[in-house]
Amino acid sequence: LLLLFNDYSIAGTKIYDYLAVKRRILLCYTNDKEALNLKSK
């Protein structure tokens, strides 16, 4: 598995490398209270 953190409006470059090697991606998170607080700050 390949861990990916949510960058919201930014796709970044990491996700493309993950796609290249064909391993399942774990995007954390789409609607988590702690993560959204960090985003706001």
PDB file of all heavy atoms in Angstrom:
ATOM      1  N   LEU A   1       0.833  -1.194   0.000  1.00  0.00           N
ATOM      2  CA  LEU A   1       0.000   0.000   0.000  1.00  0.00           C
ATOM      3  C   LEU A   1       0.867   1.242   0.000  1.00  0.00           C
ATOM      4  O   LEU A   1       1.978   1.242   0.557  1.00  0.00           O
ATOM      5  CB  LEU A   1      -0.906   0.025   1.236  1.00  0.00           C
ATOM      6  CG  LEU A   1      -1.900  -1.122   1.406  1.00  0.00           C
ATOM      7  CD1 LEU A   1      -2.477  -1.103   2.818  1.00  0.00           C
ATOM      8  CD2 LEU A   1      -3.014  -1.026   0.378  1.00  0.00           C
ATOM      9  N   LEU A   2       0.357   2.318  -0.607  1.00  0.00           N
ATOM     10  CA  LEU A   2       1.085   3.583  -0.669  1.00  0.00           C
ATOM     11  C   LEU A   2       0.235   4.667  -0.016  1.00  0.00           C
ATOM     12  O   LEU A   2      -0.887   4.931  -0.445  1.00  0.00           O
ATOM     13  CB  LEU A   2       1.403   3.935  -2.122  1.00  0.00           C
ATOM     14  CG  LEU A   2       2.199   2.868  -2.891  1.00  0.00           C
ATOM     15  CD1 LEU A   2       2.380   3.281  -4.341  1.00  0.00           C
ATOM     16  CD2 LEU A   2       3.553   2.612  -2.230  1.00  0.00           C
ATOM     17  N   LEU A   3       0.776   5.282   1.017  1.00  0.00           N
ATOM     18  CA  LEU A   3       0.061   6.285   1.790  1.00  0.00           C
ATOM     19  C   LEU A   3       0.143   7.647   1.101  1.00  0.00           C
ATOM     20  O   LEU A   3       1.222   8.098   0.702  1.00  0.00           O
ATOM     21  CB  LEU A   3       0.655   6.380   3.196  1.00  0.00           C
ATOM     22  CG  LEU A   3       0.114   7.475   4.108  1.00  0.00           C
ATOM     23  CD1 LEU A   3      -1.382   7.285   4.376  1.00  0.00           C
ATOM     24  CD2 LEU A   3       0.908   7.510   5.419  1.00  0.00           C
ATOM     25  N   LEU A   4      -0.998   8.296   0.981  1.00  0.00           N
ATOM     26  CA  LEU A   4      -1.090   9.612   0.363  1.00  0.00           C
ATOM     27  C   LEU A   4      -1.936  10.500   1.267  1.00  0.00           C
ATOM     28  O   LEU A   4      -3.044  10.126   1.649  1.00  0.00           O
ATOM     29  CB  LEU A   4      -1.739   9.501  -1.018  1.00  0.00           C
ATOM     30  CG  LEU A   4      -1.884  10.784  -1.840  1.00  0.00           C
ATOM     31  CD1 LEU A   4      -0.513  11.288  -2.301  1.00  0.00           C
ATOM     32  CD2 LEU A   4      -2.792  10.544  -3.038  1.00  0.00           C
ATOM     33  N   PHE A   5      -1.424  11.677   1.610  1.00  0.00           N
ATOM     34  CA  PHE A   5      -2.211  12.620   2.400  1.00  0.00           C
ATOM     35  C   PHE A   5      -2.969  13.572   1.480  1.00  0.00           C
ATOM     36  O   PHE A   5      -2.500  13.923   0.395  1.00  0.00           O
ATOM     37  CB  PHE A   5      -1.310  13.413   3.346  1.00  0.00           C
ATOM     38  CG  PHE A   5      -0.742  12.589   4.468  1.00  0.00           C
ATOM     39  CD1 PHE A   5       0.622  12.355   4.554  1.00  0.00           C
ATOM     40  CD2 PHE A   5      -1.574  12.047   5.433  1.00  0.00           C
ATOM     41  CE1 PHE A   5       1.148  11.589   5.582  1.00  0.00           C
ATOM     42  CE2 PHE A   5      -1.055  11.278   6.473  1.00  0.00           C
ATOM     43  CZ  PHE A   5       0.301  11.050   6.544  1.00  0.00           C
ATOM     44  N   ASN A   6      -4.123  13.995   1.941  1.00  0.00           N
ATOM     45  CA  ASN A   6      -5.002  14.844   1.137  1.00  0.00           C
ATOM     46  C   ASN A   6      -4.418  16.250   0.995  1.00  0.00           C
ATOM     47  O   ASN A   6      -4.177  16.933   1.993  1.00  0.00           O
ATOM     48  CB  ASN A   6      -6.389  14.914   1.783  1.00  0.00           C
ATOM     49  CG  ASN A   6      -7.442  15.393   0.812  1.00  0.00           C
ATOM     50  OD1 ASN A   6      -7.148  15.989  -0.214  1.00  0.00           O
ATOM     51  ND2 ASN A   6      -8.694  15.148   1.137  1.00  0.00           N
ATOM     52  N   ASP A   7      -4.192  16.667  -0.238  1.00  0.00           N
ATOM     53  CA  ASP A   7      -3.746  18.030  -0.525  1.00  0.00           C
ATOM     54  C   ASP A   7      -4.843  18.847  -1.194  1.00  0.00           C
ATOM     55  O   ASP A   7      -4.569  19.882  -1.807  1.00  0.00           O
ATOM     56  CB  ASP A   7      -2.479  18.010  -1.396  1.00  0.00           C
ATOM     57  CG  ASP A   7      -1.254  17.576  -0.607  1.00  0.00           C
ATOM     58  OD1 ASP A   7      -1.212  17.831   0.605  1.00  0.00           O
ATOM     59  OD2 ASP A   7      -0.353  16.967  -1.196  1.00  0.00           O
ATOM     60  N   TYR A   8      -6.065  18.344  -1.170  1.00  0.00           N
ATOM     61  CA  TYR A   8      -7.271  19.083  -1.522  1.00  0.00           C
ATOM     62  C   TYR A   8      -7.247  19.643  -2.944  1.00  0.00           C
ATOM     63  O   TYR A   8      -7.374  18.889  -3.897  1.00  0.00           O
ATOM     64  CB  TYR A   8      -7.541  20.157  -0.466  1.00  0.00           C
ATOM     65  CG  TYR A   8      -7.567  19.579   0.928  1.00  0.00           C
ATOM     66  CD1 TYR A   8      -6.468  19.700   1.781  1.00  0.00           C
ATOM     67  CD2 TYR A   8      -8.662  18.850   1.370  1.00  0.00           C
ATOM     68  CE1 TYR A   8      -6.477  19.128   3.050  1.00  0.00           C
ATOM     69  CE2 TYR A   8      -8.680  18.272   2.635  1.00  0.00           C
ATOM     70  CZ  TYR A   8      -7.592  18.419   3.469  1.00  0.00           C
ATOM     71  OH  TYR A   8      -7.593  17.842   4.714  1.00  0.00           O
ATOM     72  N   SER A   9      -7.039  20.930  -3.111  1.00  0.00           N
ATOM     73  CA  SER A   9      -7.060  21.538  -4.443  1.00  0.00           C
ATOM     74  C   SER A   9      -5.760  21.355  -5.204  1.00  0.00           C
ATOM     75  O   SER A   9      -5.637  21.784  -6.351  1.00  0.00           O
ATOM     76  CB  SER A   9      -7.372  23.046  -4.327  1.00  0.00           C
ATOM     77  OG  SER A   9      -6.460  23.675  -3.443  1.00  0.00           O
ATOM     78  N   ILE A  10      -4.780  20.706  -4.581  1.00  0.00           N
ATOM     79  CA  ILE A  10      -3.475  20.471  -5.203  1.00  0.00           C
ATOM     80  C   ILE A  10      -3.312  18.976  -5.452  1.00  0.00           C
ATOM     81  O   ILE A  10      -3.390  18.175  -4.511  1.00  0.00           O
ATOM     82  CB  ILE A  10      -2.335  20.989  -4.302  1.00  0.00           C
ATOM     83  CG1 ILE A  10      -2.525  22.465  -3.978  1.00  0.00           C
ATOM     84  CG2 ILE A  10      -0.979  20.744  -4.953  1.00  0.00           C
ATOM     85  CD1 ILE A  10      -1.559  23.002  -2.926  1.00  0.00           C
ATOM     86  N   ALA A  11      -3.065  18.595  -6.685  1.00  0.00           N
ATOM     87  CA  ALA A  11      -2.850  17.172  -6.978  1.00  0.00           C
ATOM     88  C   ALA A  11      -1.450  16.738  -6.586  1.00  0.00           C
ATOM     89  O   ALA A  11      -1.222  15.589  -6.193  1.00  0.00           O
ATOM     90  CB  ALA A  11      -3.096  16.890  -8.459  1.00  0.00           C
ATOM     91  N   GLY A  12      -0.460  17.646  -6.691  1.00  0.00           N
ATOM     92  CA  GLY A  12       0.908  17.291  -6.356  1.00  0.00           C
ATOM     93  C   GLY A  12       1.524  16.369  -7.401  1.00  0.00           C
ATOM     94  O   GLY A  12       0.990  16.165  -8.487  1.00  0.00           O
ATOM     95  N   THR A  13       2.656  15.784  -7.059  1.00  0.00           N
ATOM     96  CA  THR A  13       3.345  14.860  -7.965  1.00  0.00           C
ATOM     97  C   THR A  13       3.365  13.427  -7.440  1.00  0.00           C
ATOM     98  O   THR A  13       3.499  12.484  -8.217  1.00  0.00           O
ATOM     99  CB  THR A  13       4.798  15.313  -8.193  1.00  0.00           C
ATOM    100  OG1 THR A  13       5.482  15.357  -6.925  1.00  0.00           O
ATOM    101  CG2 THR A  13       4.854  16.689  -8.828  1.00  0.00           C
ATOM    102  N   LYS A  14       3.229  13.276  -6.122  1.00  0.00           N
ATOM    103  CA  LYS A  14       3.361  11.951  -5.513  1.00  0.00           C
ATOM    104  C   LYS A  14       2.344  10.962  -6.063  1.00  0.00           C
ATOM    105  O   LYS A  14       2.659   9.801  -6.307  1.00  0.00           O
ATOM    106  CB  LYS A  14       3.194  12.084  -3.998  1.00  0.00           C
ATOM    107  CG  LYS A  14       3.684  10.888  -3.217  1.00  0.00           C
ATOM    108  CD  LYS A  14       3.293  10.950  -1.753  1.00  0.00           C
ATOM    109  CE  LYS A  14       3.416  12.308  -1.137  1.00  0.00           C
ATOM    110  NZ  LYS A  14       4.783  12.803  -1.008  1.00  0.00           N
ATOM    111  N   ILE A  15       1.114  11.403  -6.276  1.00  0.00           N
ATOM    112  CA  ILE A  15       0.063  10.496  -6.715  1.00  0.00           C
ATOM    113  C   ILE A  15       0.392   9.862  -8.068  1.00  0.00           C
ATOM    114  O   ILE A  15       0.060   8.713  -8.329  1.00  0.00           O
ATOM    115  CB  ILE A  15      -1.305  11.218  -6.767  1.00  0.00           C
ATOM    116  CG1 ILE A  15      -2.420  10.187  -6.993  1.00  0.00           C
ATOM    117  CG2 ILE A  15      -1.324  12.314  -7.824  1.00  0.00           C
ATOM    118  CD1 ILE A  15      -3.811  10.765  -6.834  1.00  0.00           C
ATOM    119  N   TYR A  16       1.107  10.597  -8.913  1.00  0.00           N
ATOM    120  CA  TYR A  16       1.452  10.063 -10.235  1.00  0.00           C
ATOM    121  C   TYR A  16       2.499   8.959 -10.125  1.00  0.00           C
ATOM    122  O   TYR A  16       2.437   7.948 -10.838  1.00  0.00           O
ATOM    123  CB  TYR A  16       1.920  11.190 -11.141  1.00  0.00           C
ATOM    124  CG  TYR A  16       0.881  12.268 -11.329  1.00  0.00           C
ATOM    125  CD1 TYR A  16       1.048  13.533 -10.786  1.00  0.00           C
ATOM    126  CD2 TYR A  16      -0.292  12.006 -12.035  1.00  0.00           C
ATOM    127  CE1 TYR A  16       0.087  14.519 -10.953  1.00  0.00           C
ATOM    128  CE2 TYR A  16      -1.262  12.988 -12.196  1.00  0.00           C
ATOM    129  CZ  TYR A  16      -1.065  14.242 -11.648  1.00  0.00           C
ATOM    130  OH  TYR A  16      -2.026  15.215 -11.806  1.00  0.00           O
ATOM    131  N   ASP A  17       3.466   9.146  -9.244  1.00  0.00           N
ATOM    132  CA  ASP A  17       4.450   8.078  -9.013  1.00  0.00           C
ATOM    133  C   ASP A  17       3.765   6.836  -8.451  1.00  0.00           C
ATOM    134  O   ASP A  17       4.107   5.700  -8.810  1.00  0.00           O
ATOM    135  CB  ASP A  17       5.537   8.552  -8.049  1.00  0.00           C
ATOM    136  CG  ASP A  17       6.502   9.525  -8.689  1.00  0.00           C
ATOM    137  OD1 ASP A  17       6.593   9.531  -9.925  1.00  0.00           O
ATOM    138  OD2 ASP A  17       7.162  10.280  -7.954  1.00  0.00           O
ATOM    139  N   TYR A  18       2.813   7.046  -7.569  1.00  0.00           N
ATOM    140  CA  TYR A  18       2.078   5.921  -7.000  1.00  0.00           C
ATOM    141  C   TYR A  18       1.302   5.174  -8.088  1.00  0.00           C
ATOM    142  O   TYR A  18       1.253   3.944  -8.103  1.00  0.00           O
ATOM    143  CB  TYR A  18       1.114   6.416  -5.928  1.00  0.00           C
ATOM    144  CG  TYR A  18       1.751   6.810  -4.610  1.00  0.00           C
ATOM    145  CD1 TYR A  18       3.132   6.812  -4.432  1.00  0.00           C
ATOM    146  CD2 TYR A  18       0.959   7.194  -3.532  1.00  0.00           C
ATOM    147  CE1 TYR A  18       3.701   7.186  -3.223  1.00  0.00           C
ATOM    148  CE2 TYR A  18       1.518   7.555  -2.310  1.00  0.00           C
ATOM    149  CZ  TYR A  18       2.886   7.558  -2.158  1.00  0.00           C
ATOM    150  OH  TYR A  18       3.445   7.912  -0.951  1.00  0.00           O
ATOM    151  N   LEU A  19       0.678   5.929  -8.995  1.00  0.00           N
ATOM    152  CA  LEU A  19      -0.045   5.301 -10.094  1.00  0.00           C
ATOM    153  C   LEU A  19       0.896   4.468 -10.963  1.00  0.00           C
ATOM    154  O   LEU A  19       0.530   3.398 -11.463  1.00  0.00           O
ATOM    155  CB  LEU A  19      -0.725   6.358 -10.964  1.00  0.00           C
ATOM    156  CG  LEU A  19      -1.935   7.094 -10.384  1.00  0.00           C
ATOM    157  CD1 LEU A  19      -2.377   8.201 -11.330  1.00  0.00           C
ATOM    158  CD2 LEU A  19      -3.087   6.144 -10.129  1.00  0.00           C
ATOM    159  N   ALA A  20       2.121   4.965 -11.138  1.00  0.00           N
ATOM    160  CA  ALA A  20       3.068   4.318 -12.046  1.00  0.00           C
ATOM    161  C   ALA A  20       3.412   2.899 -11.610  1.00  0.00           C
ATOM    162  O   ALA A  20       3.584   2.008 -12.447  1.00  0.00           O
ATOM    163  CB  ALA A  20       4.342   5.147 -12.158  1.00  0.00           C
ATOM    164  N   VAL A  21       3.530   2.680 -10.293  1.00  0.00           N
ATOM    165  CA  VAL A  21       4.003   1.373  -9.817  1.00  0.00           C
ATOM    166  C   VAL A  21       2.859   0.397  -9.548  1.00  0.00           C
ATOM    167  O   VAL A  21       3.096  -0.741  -9.127  1.00  0.00           O
ATOM    168  CB  VAL A  21       4.878   1.521  -8.554  1.00  0.00           C
ATOM    169  CG1 VAL A  21       6.126   2.316  -8.861  1.00  0.00           C
ATOM    170  CG2 VAL A  21       4.101   2.165  -7.412  1.00  0.00           C
ATOM    171  N   LYS A  22       1.609   0.827  -9.780  1.00  0.00           N
ATOM    172  CA  LYS A  22       0.439  -0.055  -9.659  1.00  0.00           C
ATOM    173  C   LYS A  22       0.370  -0.740  -8.299  1.00  0.00           C
ATOM    174  O   LYS A  22       0.394  -1.978  -8.183  1.00  0.00           O
ATOM    175  CB  LYS A  22       0.417  -1.080 -10.793  1.00  0.00           C
ATOM    176  CG  LYS A  22       0.089  -0.459 -12.149  1.00  0.00           C
ATOM    177  CD  LYS A  22      -0.123  -1.515 -13.210  1.00  0.00           C
ATOM    178  CE  LYS A  22      -0.529  -0.880 -14.535  1.00  0.00           C
ATOM    179  NZ  LYS A  22      -1.878  -0.289 -14.479  1.00  0.00           N
ATOM    180  N   ARG A  23       0.329   0.073  -7.256  1.00  0.00           N
ATOM    181  CA  ARG A  23       0.055  -0.396  -5.907  1.00  0.00           C
ATOM    182  C   ARG A  23      -1.133   0.396  -5.368  1.00  0.00           C
ATOM    183  O   ARG A  23      -1.304   1.568  -5.685  1.00  0.00           O
ATOM    184  CB  ARG A  23       1.275  -0.202  -4.990  1.00  0.00           C
ATOM    185  CG  ARG A  23       2.458  -1.082  -5.352  1.00  0.00           C
ATOM    186  CD  ARG A  23       2.164  -2.547  -5.110  1.00  0.00           C
ATOM    187  NE  ARG A  23       3.262  -3.416  -5.535  1.00  0.00           N
ATOM    188  CZ  ARG A  23       3.354  -3.977  -6.722  1.00  0.00           C
ATOM    189  NH1 ARG A  23       2.406  -3.778  -7.629  1.00  0.00           N
ATOM    190  NH2 ARG A  23       4.369  -4.755  -7.024  1.00  0.00           N
ATOM    191  N   ARG A  24      -1.945  -0.237  -4.557  1.00  0.00           N
ATOM    192  CA  ARG A  24      -3.135   0.434  -4.049  1.00  0.00           C
ATOM    193  C   ARG A  24      -2.763   1.656  -3.214  1.00  0.00           C
ATOM    194  O   ARG A  24      -1.847   1.606  -2.389  1.00  0.00           O
ATOM    195  CB  ARG A  24      -3.979  -0.533  -3.214  1.00  0.00           C
ATOM    196  CG  ARG A  24      -4.526  -1.710  -4.012  1.00  0.00           C
ATOM    197  CD  ARG A  24      -5.524  -2.488  -3.169  1.00  0.00           C
ATOM    198  NE  ARG A  24      -5.689  -3.847  -3.669  1.00  0.00           N
ATOM    199  CZ  ARG A  24      -6.486  -4.752  -3.107  1.00  0.00           C
ATOM    200  NH1 ARG A  24      -7.181  -4.433  -2.020  1.00  0.00           N
ATOM    201  NH2 ARG A  24      -6.581  -5.964  -3.615  1.00  0.00           N
ATOM    202  N   ILE A  25      -3.512   2.728  -3.425  1.00  0.00           N
ATOM    203  CA  ILE A  25      -3.254   4.003  -2.764  1.00  0.00           C
ATOM    204  C   ILE A  25      -4.245   4.194  -1.621  1.00  0.00           C
ATOM    205  O   ILE A  25      -5.439   3.924  -1.765  1.00  0.00           O
ATOM    206  CB  ILE A  25      -3.375   5.169  -3.762  1.00  0.00           C
ATOM    207  CG1 ILE A  25      -2.372   4.993  -4.905  1.00  0.00           C
ATOM    208  CG2 ILE A  25      -3.160   6.510  -3.067  1.00  0.00           C
ATOM    209  CD1 ILE A  25      -2.571   5.981  -6.048  1.00  0.00           C
ATOM    210  N   LEU A  26      -3.738   4.693  -0.475  1.00  0.00           N
ATOM    211  CA  LEU A  26      -4.576   5.051   0.665  1.00  0.00           C
ATOM    212  C   LEU A  26      -4.569   6.569   0.819  1.00  0.00           C
ATOM    213  O   LEU A  26      -3.562   7.150   1.242  1.00  0.00           O
ATOM    214  CB  LEU A  26      -4.026   4.416   1.947  1.00  0.00           C
ATOM    215  CG  LEU A  26      -4.329   2.955   2.247  1.00  0.00           C
ATOM    216  CD1 LEU A  26      -3.492   2.505   3.448  1.00  0.00           C
ATOM    217  CD2 LEU A  26      -5.805   2.765   2.552  1.00  0.00           C
ATOM    218  N   LEU A  27      -5.652   7.233   0.450  1.00  0.00           N
ATOM    219  CA  LEU A  27      -5.747   8.684   0.605  1.00  0.00           C
ATOM    220  C   LEU A  27      -6.366   9.003   1.958  1.00  0.00           C
ATOM    221  O   LEU A  27      -7.506   8.625   2.243  1.00  0.00           O
ATOM    222  CB  LEU A  27      -6.602   9.273  -0.510  1.00  0.00           C
ATOM    223  CG  LEU A  27      -6.865  10.789  -0.402  1.00  0.00           C
ATOM    224  CD1 LEU A  27      -5.550  11.561  -0.541  1.00  0.00           C
ATOM    225  CD2 LEU A  27      -7.863  11.245  -1.452  1.00  0.00           C
ATOM    226  N   CYS A  28      -5.627   9.716   2.806  1.00  0.00           N
ATOM    227  CA  CYS A  28      -6.088  10.073   4.142  1.00  0.00           C
ATOM    228  C   CYS A  28      -6.078  11.605   4.312  1.00  0.00           C
ATOM    229  O   CYS A  28      -5.019  12.196   4.186  1.00  0.00           O
ATOM    230  CB  CYS A  28      -5.187   9.457   5.193  1.00  0.00           C
ATOM    231  SG  CYS A  28      -5.133   7.647   5.186  1.00  0.00           S
ATOM    232  N   TYR A  29      -7.177  12.229   4.627  1.00  0.00           N
ATOM    233  CA  TYR A  29      -8.550  11.751   4.716  1.00  0.00           C
ATOM    234  C   TYR A  29      -9.409  12.665   3.880  1.00  0.00           C
ATOM    235  O   TYR A  29      -8.990  13.765   3.516  1.00  0.00           O
ATOM    236  CB  TYR A  29      -9.042  11.799   6.162  1.00  0.00           C
ATOM    237  CG  TYR A  29      -8.250  10.974   7.158  1.00  0.00           C
ATOM    238  CD1 TYR A  29      -7.416  11.593   8.086  1.00  0.00           C
ATOM    239  CD2 TYR A  29      -8.351   9.587   7.189  1.00  0.00           C
ATOM    240  CE1 TYR A  29      -6.709  10.847   9.018  1.00  0.00           C
ATOM    241  CE2 TYR A  29      -7.640   8.830   8.128  1.00  0.00           C
ATOM    242  CZ  TYR A  29      -6.818   9.470   9.037  1.00  0.00           C
ATOM    243  OH  TYR A  29      -6.127   8.728   9.942  1.00  0.00           O
ATOM    244  N   THR A  30     -10.667  12.247   3.626  1.00  0.00           N
ATOM    245  CA  THR A  30     -11.561  13.112   2.861  1.00  0.00           C
ATOM    246  C   THR A  30     -12.490  13.937   3.737  1.00  0.00           C
ATOM    247  O   THR A  30     -12.976  14.984   3.324  1.00  0.00           O
ATOM    248  CB  THR A  30     -12.409  12.286   1.884  1.00  0.00           C
ATOM    249  OG1 THR A  30     -13.207  11.340   2.617  1.00  0.00           O
ATOM    250  CG2 THR A  30     -11.527  11.549   0.893  1.00  0.00           C
ATOM    251  N   ASN A  31     -12.759  13.463   4.974  1.00  0.00           N
ATOM    252  CA  ASN A  31     -13.670  14.217   5.851  1.00  0.00           C
ATOM    253  C   ASN A  31     -13.424  13.841   7.305  1.00  0.00           C
ATOM    254  O   ASN A  31     -14.305  13.326   7.995  1.00  0.00           O
ATOM    255  CB  ASN A  31     -15.127  13.942   5.471  1.00  0.00           C
ATOM    256  CG  ASN A  31     -16.099  14.880   6.169  1.00  0.00           C
ATOM    257  OD1 ASN A  31     -15.721  15.964   6.610  1.00  0.00           O
ATOM    258  ND2 ASN A  31     -17.348  14.456   6.288  1.00  0.00           N
ATOM    259  N   ASP A  32     -12.234  14.135   7.768  1.00  0.00           N
ATOM    260  CA  ASP A  32     -11.836  13.820   9.138  1.00  0.00           C
ATOM    261  C   ASP A  32     -11.710  15.122   9.938  1.00  0.00           C
ATOM    262  O   ASP A  32     -11.102  16.099   9.463  1.00  0.00           O
ATOM    263  CB  ASP A  32     -10.494  13.078   9.132  1.00  0.00           C
ATOM    264  CG  ASP A  32     -10.006  12.743  10.517  1.00  0.00           C
ATOM    265  OD1 ASP A  32     -10.440  11.711  11.071  1.00  0.00           O
ATOM    266  OD2 ASP A  32      -9.193  13.527  11.056  1.00  0.00           O
ATOM    267  N   LYS A  33     -12.273  15.151  11.136  1.00  0.00           N
ATOM    268  CA  LYS A  33     -12.315  16.391  11.925  1.00  0.00           C
ATOM    269  C   LYS A  33     -10.919  16.934  12.209  1.00  0.00           C
ATOM    270  O   LYS A  33     -10.642  18.118  12.017  1.00  0.00           O
ATOM    271  CB  LYS A  33     -13.059  16.140  13.237  1.00  0.00           C
ATOM    272  CG  LYS A  33     -13.224  17.398  14.091  1.00  0.00           C
ATOM    273  CD  LYS A  33     -14.035  17.100  15.347  1.00  0.00           C
ATOM    274  CE  LYS A  33     -14.182  18.373  16.191  1.00  0.00           C
ATOM    275  NZ  LYS A  33     -14.959  18.106  17.438  1.00  0.00           N
ATOM    276  N   GLU A  34     -10.019  16.068  12.682  1.00  0.00           N
ATOM    277  CA  GLU A  34      -8.654  16.513  12.991  1.00  0.00           C
ATOM    278  C   GLU A  34      -7.944  17.020  11.737  1.00  0.00           C
ATOM    279  O   GLU A  34      -7.273  18.054  11.760  1.00  0.00           O
ATOM    280  CB  GLU A  34      -7.860  15.368  13.603  1.00  0.00           C
ATOM    281  CG  GLU A  34      -6.409  15.727  13.924  1.00  0.00           C
ATOM    282  CD  GLU A  34      -5.619  14.546  14.470  1.00  0.00           C
ATOM    283  OE1 GLU A  34      -6.250  13.605  14.999  1.00  0.00           O
ATOM    284  OE2 GLU A  34      -4.379  14.558  14.370  1.00  0.00           O
ATOM    285  N   ALA A  35      -8.097  16.297  10.628  1.00  0.00           N
ATOM    286  CA  ALA A  35      -7.445  16.695   9.379  1.00  0.00           C
ATOM    287  C   ALA A  35      -7.992  18.026   8.874  1.00  0.00           C
ATOM    288  O   ALA A  35      -7.233  18.877   8.380  1.00  0.00           O
ATOM    289  CB  ALA A  35      -7.628  15.615   8.324  1.00  0.00           C
ATOM    290  N   LEU A  36      -9.288  18.237   8.989  1.00  0.00           N
ATOM    291  CA  LEU A  36      -9.892  19.492   8.530  1.00  0.00           C
ATOM    292  C   LEU A  36      -9.443  20.665   9.396  1.00  0.00           C
ATOM    293  O   LEU A  36      -9.281  21.790   8.897  1.00  0.00           O
ATOM    294  CB  LEU A  36     -11.406  19.375   8.528  1.00  0.00           C
ATOM    295  CG  LEU A  36     -11.987  18.437   7.457  1.00  0.00           C
ATOM    296  CD1 LEU A  36     -13.496  18.287   7.634  1.00  0.00           C
ATOM    297  CD2 LEU A  36     -11.669  18.949   6.062  1.00  0.00           C
ATOM    298  N   ASN A  37      -9.222  20.427  10.687  1.00  0.00           N
ATOM    299  CA  ASN A  37      -8.685  21.481  11.560  1.00  0.00           C
ATOM    300  C   ASN A  37      -7.272  21.864  11.138  1.00  0.00           C
ATOM    301  O   ASN A  37      -6.903  23.046  11.131  1.00  0.00           O
ATOM    302  CB  ASN A  37      -8.694  21.017  13.013  1.00  0.00           C
ATOM    303  CG  ASN A  37     -10.083  20.994  13.617  1.00  0.00           C
ATOM    304  OD1 ASN A  37     -10.981  21.699  13.145  1.00  0.00           O
ATOM    305  ND2 ASN A  37     -10.283  20.204  14.656  1.00  0.00           N
ATOM    306  N   LEU A  38      -6.473  20.854  10.793  1.00  0.00           N
ATOM    307  CA  LEU A  38      -5.122  21.123  10.314  1.00  0.00           C
ATOM    308  C   LEU A  38      -5.152  21.891   9.004  1.00  0.00           C
ATOM    309  O   LEU A  38      -4.361  22.817   8.781  1.00  0.00           O
ATOM    310  CB  LEU A  38      -4.355  19.809  10.134  1.00  0.00           C
ATOM    311  CG  LEU A  38      -3.988  19.048  11.402  1.00  0.00           C
ATOM    312  CD1 LEU A  38      -3.425  17.672  11.061  1.00  0.00           C
ATOM    313  CD2 LEU A  38      -2.984  19.838  12.234  1.00  0.00           C
ATOM    314  N   LYS A  39      -6.085  21.522   8.125  1.00  0.00           N
ATOM    315  CA  LYS A  39      -6.219  22.218   6.851  1.00  0.00           C
ATOM    316  C   LYS A  39      -6.560  23.682   7.073  1.00  0.00           C
ATOM    317  O   LYS A  39      -5.988  24.590   6.450  1.00  0.00           O
ATOM    318  CB  LYS A  39      -7.293  21.561   5.993  1.00  0.00           C
ATOM    319  CG  LYS A  39      -7.495  22.268   4.657  1.00  0.00           C
ATOM    320  CD  LYS A  39      -8.779  21.864   3.965  1.00  0.00           C
ATOM    321  CE  LYS A  39      -8.956  22.664   2.681  1.00  0.00           C
ATOM    322  NZ  LYS A  39     -10.280  22.481   2.084  1.00  0.00           N
ATOM    323  N   SER A  40      -7.529  23.931   7.956  1.00  0.00           N
ATOM    324  CA  SER A  40      -7.957  25.303   8.238  1.00  0.00           C
ATOM    325  C   SER A  40      -6.807  26.154   8.759  1.00  0.00           C
ATOM    326  O   SER A  40      -6.706  27.339   8.452  1.00  0.00           O
ATOM    327  CB  SER A  40      -9.089  25.273   9.257  1.00  0.00           C
ATOM    328  OG  SER A  40      -9.483  26.580   9.615  1.00  0.00           O
ATOM    329  N   LYS A  41      -5.905  25.529   9.504  1.00  0.00           N
ATOM    330  CA  LYS A  41      -4.808  26.276  10.134  1.00  0.00           C
ATOM    331  C   LYS A  41      -3.601  26.447   9.224  1.00  0.00           C
ATOM    332  O   LYS A  41      -2.954  27.505   9.223  1.00  0.00           O
ATOM    333  CB  LYS A  41      -4.398  25.559  11.414  1.00  0.00           C
ATOM    334  CG  LYS A  41      -3.366  26.304  12.244  1.00  0.00           C
ATOM    335  CD  LYS A  41      -3.116  25.582  13.558  1.00  0.00           C
ATOM    336  CE  LYS A  41      -2.117  26.350  14.428  1.00  0.00           C
ATOM    337  NZ  LYS A  41      -1.873  25.654  15.722  1.00  0.00           N
TER     338      LYS A  41
END
